[in-house]
C-alpha atoms as a PDB file:
ATOM      1  CA  UNK A   1     -75.415   3.855 111.950  1.00  0.00           C
ATOM      2  CA  UNK A   2     -78.146   6.202 110.777  1.00  0.00           C
ATOM      3  CA  UNK A   3     -78.721   7.035 114.428  1.00  0.00           C
ATOM      4  CA  UNK A   4     -75.161   8.247 114.765  1.00  0.00           C
ATOM      5  CA  UNK A   5     -75.505  10.297 111.600  1.00  0.00           C
ATOM      6  CA  UNK A   6     -78.488  11.975 113.258  1.00  0.00           C
ATOM      7  CA  UNK A   7     -76.320  12.764 116.282  1.00  0.00           C
ATOM      8  CA  UNK A   8     -73.677  14.197 113.942  1.00  0.00           C
ATOM      9  CA  UNK A   9     -76.322  16.496 112.477  1.00  0.00           C
ATOM     10  CA  UNK A  10     -77.198  17.609 116.006  1.00  0.00           C
ATOM     11  CA  UNK A  11     -73.620  18.799 116.482  1.00  0.00           C
ATOM     12  CA  UNK A  12     -74.258  21.203 113.616  1.00  0.00           C
ATOM     13  CA  UNK A  13     -77.546  22.387 115.114  1.00  0.00           C
ATOM     14  CA  UNK A  14     -76.266  22.586 118.709  1.00  0.00           C
ATOM     15  CA  UNK A  15     -79.300  23.894 120.564  1.00  0.00           C
ATOM     16  CA  UNK A  16     -80.956  22.984 123.857  1.00  0.00           C
ATOM     17  CA  UNK A  17     -83.406  20.577 122.206  1.00  0.00           C
ATOM     18  CA  UNK A  18     -80.579  18.697 120.535  1.00  0.00           C
ATOM     19  CA  UNK A  19     -79.117  17.671 123.911  1.00  0.00           C
ATOM     20  CA  UNK A  20     -82.130  15.531 124.796  1.00  0.00           C
ATOM     21  CA  UNK A  21     -82.321  14.162 121.272  1.00  0.00           C
ATOM     22  CA  UNK A  22     -78.669  13.090 121.375  1.00  0.00           C
ATOM     23  CA  UNK A  23     -79.076  11.613 124.856  1.00  0.00           C
ATOM     24  CA  UNK A  24     -82.125   9.662 123.707  1.00  0.00           C
ATOM     25  CA  UNK A  25     -80.463   8.278 120.578  1.00  0.00           C
ATOM     26  CA  UNK A  26     -77.270   7.307 122.373  1.00  0.00           C
ATOM     27  CA  UNK A  27     -79.040   5.680 125.335  1.00  0.00           C
ATOM     28  CA  UNK A  28     -79.633   2.476 123.365  1.00  0.00           C
ATOM     29  CA  UNK A  29     -75.892   2.083 122.749  1.00  0.00           C
ATOM     30  CA  UNK A  30     -74.918   1.938 126.443  1.00  0.00           C
ATOM     31  CA  UNK A  31     -74.166  -1.770 126.230  1.00  0.00           C
ATOM     32  CA  UNK A  32     -70.806  -1.738 127.975  1.00  0.00           C
ATOM     33  CA  UNK A  33     -68.905   0.315 130.497  1.00  0.00           C
ATOM     34  CA  UNK A  34     -66.502   1.619 127.857  1.00  0.00           C
ATOM     35  CA  UNK A  35     -69.352   2.685 125.578  1.00  0.00           C
ATOM     36  CA  UNK A  36     -71.228   4.328 128.444  1.00  0.00           C
ATOM     37  CA  UNK A  37     -68.082   6.239 129.378  1.00  0.00           C
ATOM     38  CA  UNK A  38     -67.462   7.353 125.783  1.00  0.00           C
ATOM     39  CA  UNK A  39     -71.089   8.458 125.438  1.00  0.00           C
ATOM     40  CA  UNK A  40     -70.881  10.418 128.692  1.00  0.00           C
ATOM     41  CA  UNK A  41     -67.708  12.146 127.501  1.00  0.00           C
ATOM     42  CA  UNK A  42     -69.367  13.042 124.212  1.00  0.00           C
ATOM     43  CA  UNK A  43     -72.467  14.381 125.965  1.00  0.00           C
ATOM     44  CA  UNK A  44     -70.393  16.517 128.317  1.00  0.00           C
ATOM     45  CA  UNK A  45     -68.561  18.132 125.404  1.00  0.00           C
ATOM     46  CA  UNK A  46     -71.779  18.457 123.425  1.00  0.00           C
ATOM     47  CA  UNK A  47     -73.561  20.170 126.325  1.00  0.00           C
ATOM     48  CA  UNK A  48     -70.587  22.522 126.624  1.00  0.00           C
ATOM     49  CA  UNK A  49     -70.855  23.267 122.897  1.00  0.00           C
ATOM     50  CA  UNK A  50     -74.561  24.070 123.235  1.00  0.00           C
ATOM     51  CA  UNK A  51     -73.808  26.380 126.165  1.00  0.00           C
ATOM     52  CA  UNK A  52     -71.150  28.208 124.140  1.00  0.00           C
ATOM     53  CA  UNK A  53     -73.413  28.516 121.081  1.00  0.00           C
ATOM     54  CA  UNK A  54     -76.361  29.793 123.098  1.00  0.00           C
ATOM     55  CA  UNK A  55     -74.161  32.338 124.885  1.00  0.00           C
ATOM     56  CA  UNK A  56     -72.695  33.525 121.606  1.00  0.00           C
ATOM     57  CA  UNK A  57     -69.084  32.714 122.426  1.00  0.00           C
ATOM     58  CA  UNK A  58     -68.073  32.251 118.786  1.00  0.00           C
ATOM     59  CA  UNK A  59     -64.356  32.127 119.530  1.00  0.00           C
ATOM     60  CA  UNK A  60     -64.801  28.714 121.215  1.00  0.00           C
ATOM     61  CA  UNK A  61     -67.471  27.287 118.939  1.00  0.00           C
ATOM     62  CA  UNK A  62     -65.323  25.696 116.217  1.00  0.00           C
ATOM     63  CA  UNK A  63     -62.966  24.043 118.687  1.00  0.00           C
ATOM     64  CA  UNK A  64     -65.849  22.576 120.660  1.00  0.00           C
ATOM     65  CA  UNK A  65     -67.565  21.312 117.511  1.00  0.00           C
ATOM     66  CA  UNK A  66     -64.354  19.512 116.543  1.00  0.00           C
ATOM     67  CA  UNK A  67     -64.000  18.091 120.048  1.00  0.00           C
ATOM     68  CA  UNK A  68     -67.595  16.831 120.053  1.00  0.00           C
ATOM     69  CA  UNK A  69     -67.030  15.329 116.609  1.00  0.00           C
ATOM     70  CA  UNK A  70     -63.917  13.515 117.855  1.00  0.00           C
ATOM     71  CA  UNK A  71     -65.754  12.151 120.887  1.00  0.00           C
ATOM     72  CA  UNK A  72     -68.558  10.900 118.648  1.00  0.00           C
ATOM     73  CA  UNK A  73     -65.959   9.194 116.437  1.00  0.00           C
ATOM     74  CA  UNK A  74     -64.710   7.380 119.542  1.00  0.00           C
ATOM     75  CA  UNK A  75     -68.256   6.156 120.233  1.00  0.00           C
ATOM     76  CA  UNK A  76     -68.496   4.949 116.624  1.00  0.00           C
ATOM     77  CA  UNK A  77     -65.200   3.059 116.867  1.00  0.00           C
ATOM     78  CA  UNK A  78     -66.247   1.405 120.109  1.00  0.00           C
ATOM     79  CA  UNK A  79     -69.555   0.391 118.546  1.00  0.00           C
ATOM     80  CA  UNK A  80     -67.718  -1.136 115.607  1.00  0.00           C
ATOM     81  CA  UNK A  81     -65.484  -3.144 117.937  1.00  0.00           C
ATOM     82  CA  UNK A  82     -68.206  -3.995 120.463  1.00  0.00           C
ATOM     83  CA  UNK A  83     -69.745  -6.950 118.549  1.00  0.00           C
ATOM     84  CA  UNK A  84     -66.255  -8.430 118.132  1.00  0.00           C
ATOM     85  CA  UNK A  85     -65.650  -8.205 121.874  1.00  0.00           C
ATOM     86  CA  UNK A  86     -69.000  -9.808 122.632  1.00  0.00           C
ATOM     87  CA  UNK A  87     -68.317 -12.645 120.171  1.00  0.00           C
ATOM     88  CA  UNK A  88     -64.934 -13.362 121.770  1.00  0.00           C
ATOM     89  CA  UNK A  89     -66.554 -13.660 125.225  1.00  0.00           C
ATOM     90  CA  UNK A  90     -69.052 -16.259 123.995  1.00  0.00           C
ATOM     91  CA  UNK A  91     -66.458 -18.725 122.741  1.00  0.00           C
END
């Protein structure tokens, strides 16, 4: 989960370089359709956050940070459940 903590830190930084870093870290977690979808949703909101930060639209910044944080929490929950789903398919 250290990787996801790194992505959380990127939400705080929110700059153009952090988009590729987040995409790179999250790429290894695309193990299911639901995870891939959740990651895509997070990245879309994160890219929007970076756009807002870089264009100095402070009035939207806090809301978008919270939204990105919530989407990342969804990815974390799916990752926590993912091994359980895989185990149930084996048996």
